[in-house]
Protein backbone atom coordinates (compact mmCIF):
# COMPACT_ATOMS: atom_id res chain seq x y z
CA MET A 1 17.29 32.07 -24.22
CA GLU A 2 16.91 32.31 -20.45
CA ASN A 3 13.33 30.99 -20.59
CA GLN A 4 14.48 28.09 -22.73
CA ALA A 5 17.20 27.21 -20.22
CA ILE A 6 14.67 27.27 -17.35
CA HIS A 7 12.35 25.01 -19.34
CA ILE A 8 15.17 22.50 -19.94
CA LEU A 9 16.06 22.45 -16.23
CA GLU A 10 12.43 21.89 -15.23
CA HIS A 11 12.15 19.08 -17.76
CA ARG A 12 15.25 17.44 -16.33
CA ASP A 13 13.90 17.77 -12.79
CA ASP A 14 10.64 16.12 -13.83
CA THR A 15 12.50 13.28 -15.53
CA ALA A 16 14.75 12.77 -12.51
CA SER A 17 11.73 12.80 -10.18
CA ARG A 18 9.90 10.16 -12.23
CA LEU A 19 13.04 8.03 -12.54
CA GLY A 20 13.69 8.29 -8.80
CA MET A 21 10.16 7.10 -8.03
CA TRP A 22 10.50 4.12 -10.37
CA VAL A 23 13.82 3.16 -8.77
CA PHE A 24 12.22 3.42 -5.32
CA ILE A 25 9.29 1.27 -6.44
CA PHE A 26 11.71 -1.33 -7.81
CA THR A 27 13.49 -1.56 -4.45
CA GLU A 28 10.15 -1.93 -2.64
CA MET A 29 9.15 -4.75 -4.98
CA LEU A 30 12.46 -6.46 -4.20
CA LEU A 31 11.73 -6.14 -0.47
CA PHE A 32 8.28 -7.68 -0.68
CA GLY A 33 9.43 -10.17 -3.30
CA GLY A 34 11.99 -11.44 -0.79
CA LEU A 35 9.26 -11.81 1.86
CA PHE A 36 7.06 -13.69 -0.62
CA ILE A 37 9.91 -16.11 -1.33
CA VAL A 38 10.49 -16.66 2.40
CA TYR A 39 6.77 -17.30 2.83
CA ALA A 40 6.73 -19.80 -0.05
CA VAL A 41 9.74 -21.69 1.31
CA TYR A 42 8.34 -22.00 4.83
CA ARG A 43 4.90 -22.87 3.47
CA SER A 44 6.38 -25.81 1.58
CA MET A 45 8.13 -26.94 4.76
CA TYR A 46 5.16 -26.52 7.11
CA HIS A 47 2.19 -26.86 4.79
CA GLN A 48 -0.27 -28.24 7.34
CA GLN A 49 0.50 -25.61 9.98
CA PHE A 50 0.27 -22.80 7.40
CA HIS A 51 -3.06 -24.23 6.26
CA GLU A 52 -4.37 -24.21 9.83
CA GLY A 53 -3.03 -20.70 10.39
CA ALA A 54 -4.78 -19.38 7.28
CA LEU A 55 -8.08 -20.74 8.57
CA GLU A 56 -7.74 -18.39 11.56
CA LEU A 57 -7.86 -15.32 9.31
CA ASN A 58 -11.12 -13.59 8.46
CA THR A 59 -11.51 -13.62 4.68
CA ILE A 60 -14.25 -10.98 4.85
CA PHE A 61 -11.84 -8.46 6.41
CA GLY A 62 -9.30 -9.20 3.69
CA ALA A 63 -11.88 -9.02 0.89
CA VAL A 64 -13.28 -5.70 2.12
CA ASN A 65 -9.80 -4.21 2.31
CA THR A 66 -9.08 -5.48 -1.21
CA VAL A 67 -12.17 -3.73 -2.58
CA VAL A 68 -11.31 -0.56 -0.64
CA LEU A 69 -7.79 -0.42 -2.09
CA LEU A 70 -8.96 -1.19 -5.63
CA ILE A 71 -11.47 1.68 -5.44
CA SER A 72 -8.82 4.00 -3.96
CA SER A 73 -6.44 3.12 -6.79
CA MET A 74 -9.18 4.10 -9.23
CA THR A 75 -9.93 7.39 -7.46
CA VAL A 76 -6.29 8.50 -7.35
CA ALA A 77 -5.97 7.72 -11.07
CA MET A 78 -9.12 9.74 -11.72
CA SER A 79 -7.69 12.59 -9.64
CA LEU A 80 -4.60 12.69 -11.84
CA THR A 81 -6.76 12.65 -14.98
CA ALA A 82 -8.91 15.47 -13.60
CA MET A 83 -5.79 17.50 -12.84
CA LYS A 84 -4.48 17.07 -16.40
CA LEU A 85 -7.89 18.24 -17.64
CA ASN A 86 -7.49 21.27 -15.36
CA ASP A 87 -10.47 20.30 -13.21
CA ILE A 88 -8.81 21.25 -9.93
CA LYS A 89 -11.94 20.99 -7.82
CA LEU A 90 -12.67 17.42 -8.91
CA SER A 91 -9.01 16.45 -8.51
CA LYS A 92 -9.03 17.64 -4.89
CA ARG A 93 -12.26 15.80 -4.10
CA LEU A 94 -10.90 12.56 -5.54
CA LEU A 95 -7.67 12.97 -3.58
CA LEU A 96 -9.63 13.39 -0.37
CA LEU A 97 -11.70 10.34 -1.24
CA THR A 98 -8.52 8.34 -1.80
CA VAL A 99 -7.15 9.42 1.58
CA GLY A 100 -10.46 8.52 3.22
CA LEU A 101 -10.38 5.05 1.68
CA GLY A 102 -6.80 4.58 2.87
CA ILE A 103 -7.85 5.48 6.40
CA LEU A 104 -10.78 3.04 6.12
CA PHE A 105 -8.29 0.31 5.17
CA LEU A 106 -6.23 1.02 8.30
CA VAL A 107 -9.30 1.07 10.54
CA ASN A 108 -10.40 -2.28 9.12
CA LYS A 109 -6.89 -3.66 9.65
CA TYR A 110 -6.91 -2.34 13.23
CA PHE A 111 -10.06 -4.32 14.06
CA GLU A 112 -8.70 -7.41 12.32
CA TRP A 113 -5.47 -7.26 14.30
CA GLY A 114 -7.47 -6.50 17.44
CA ILE A 115 -9.28 -9.82 17.12
CA LYS A 116 -5.96 -11.66 16.81
CA PHE A 117 -4.57 -9.87 19.88
CA HIS A 118 -7.77 -10.66 21.80
CA HIS A 119 -7.19 -14.36 21.12
CA GLY A 120 -3.53 -14.10 22.08
CA LEU A 121 -2.24 -14.60 18.53
CA TYR A 122 0.48 -12.00 18.28
CA PRO A 123 4.31 -12.20 18.07
CA ASN A 124 5.94 -13.71 21.20
CA SER A 125 2.60 -14.17 22.95
CA PRO A 126 2.35 -17.18 25.33
CA VAL A 127 -0.51 -18.60 23.25
CA LEU A 128 1.43 -18.39 20.01
CA LEU A 129 4.66 -19.73 21.50
CA SER A 130 2.77 -22.77 22.79
CA LEU A 131 1.86 -23.75 19.22
CA GLU A 132 3.94 -25.67 16.69
CA LYS A 133 6.83 -24.03 14.85
CA GLY A 134 4.86 -23.80 11.61
CA HIS A 135 2.09 -21.82 13.31
CA ILE A 136 4.61 -19.44 14.86
CA LEU A 137 6.25 -18.87 11.47
CA TYR A 138 2.91 -18.32 9.76
CA PHE A 139 1.65 -15.68 12.15
CA GLY A 140 5.10 -14.10 12.35
CA LEU A 141 5.09 -13.64 8.58
CA TYR A 142 1.46 -12.53 8.64
CA PHE A 143 2.14 -9.71 11.10
CA CYS A 144 5.43 -8.81 9.42
CA MET A 145 4.02 -8.54 5.89
CA THR A 146 0.68 -6.94 6.73
CA GLY A 147 2.37 -4.61 9.24
CA LEU A 148 4.95 -3.52 6.68
CA HIS A 149 2.19 -3.00 4.16
CA ALA A 150 0.20 -0.93 6.68
CA LEU A 151 3.30 1.21 7.20
CA HIS A 152 3.42 1.81 3.44
CA ILE A 153 -0.25 2.80 3.56
CA ILE A 154 0.55 5.40 6.23
CA VAL A 155 3.45 6.77 4.16
CA GLY A 156 1.14 6.91 1.14
CA LEU A 157 -1.50 8.80 3.11
CA VAL A 158 1.08 11.36 4.24
CA LEU A 159 2.31 11.75 0.66
CA LEU A 160 -1.20 12.17 -0.75
CA SER A 161 -2.04 14.66 2.01
CA VAL A 162 1.01 16.73 1.04
CA VAL A 163 -0.08 16.51 -2.60
CA PHE A 164 -3.57 17.70 -1.66
CA MET A 165 -2.18 20.70 0.22
CA ARG A 166 -0.02 21.63 -2.76
CA VAL A 167 -2.95 21.27 -5.14
CA ARG A 168 -5.07 23.48 -2.90
CA SER A 169 -2.33 26.11 -2.72
CA GLY A 170 -1.95 26.09 -6.49
CA LYS A 171 1.58 24.71 -6.49
CA ILE A 172 0.46 21.67 -8.49
CA LYS A 173 -1.16 22.55 -11.80
CA SER A 174 -2.33 20.75 -14.91
CA ASP A 175 1.00 21.41 -16.65
CA ASP A 176 3.11 20.70 -13.56
CA CYS A 177 1.76 17.69 -11.66
CA VAL A 178 4.75 15.37 -11.34
CA LEU A 179 4.30 15.12 -7.57
CA LEU A 180 0.71 14.02 -8.07
CA GLU A 181 1.86 11.48 -10.67
CA ASN A 182 4.46 10.08 -8.26
CA GLY A 183 1.93 10.00 -5.41
CA ALA A 184 -0.54 8.10 -7.57
CA LEU A 185 2.21 5.71 -8.70
CA TYR A 186 3.20 5.00 -5.10
CA TRP A 187 -0.42 4.36 -4.18
CA HIS A 188 -0.75 1.91 -7.08
CA LEU A 189 2.29 0.10 -5.65
CA VAL A 190 0.58 -0.19 -2.26
CA ASP A 191 -2.51 -1.58 -4.00
CA LEU A 192 -0.47 -4.05 -6.08
CA ILE A 193 1.34 -5.42 -3.02
CA TRP A 194 -1.97 -6.07 -1.28
CA ILE A 195 -3.28 -7.85 -4.40
CA PHE A 196 -0.48 -10.38 -3.82
CA LEU A 197 -0.81 -10.46 -0.02
CA PHE A 198 -4.56 -11.12 0.06
CA PRO A 199 -4.62 -14.45 -1.80
CA LEU A 200 -1.27 -15.52 -0.37
CA LEU A 201 -2.37 -15.13 3.25
CA TYR A 202 -6.16 -15.46 3.14
CA LEU A 203 -7.17 -17.61 0.16
CA ILE A 204 -4.45 -20.18 -0.47
CA THR A 205 -5.06 -22.79 2.19
């Protein structure tokens, strides 16, 4: 009877954990959805300036980061599958690979931003403030949205690192891997947001 009660409590905790993650993801989608709407409104008002601003971005940087995140989304999903198949060693390797790809994304973004800073195109810079209002709005939204996304990448890396440590210590197992599931789900969210950001900022000119 006692074992049954413990099992019920654990099941409820797992359900609450999954539900909490989905609620969190929904709120994050609302946040970025609001930014996308703001971007669309200003783009319709300052189409020419947004077009010129988009030409200043390096599509190669954006494309590379897109591929990196798509691969990382695949590796974290494979890690979860490996865990459910009780292949702990493979699950850990795939988690580390996912973290490595996330770091590669940030490094790539660092160099991309560095080029913009080198040319004086950053928020409140004299160069940017000397441009038309549409240009200022475009680059303001660019840094806001990509910066917020980068922050989510960092949070995801911390979460996946915690998951890795718990897998290595044996606290996450094939029959108890809700934290890994939630970590993978969060990482998929980060990937999905970038799938929208990349064409919106880099491709639609």
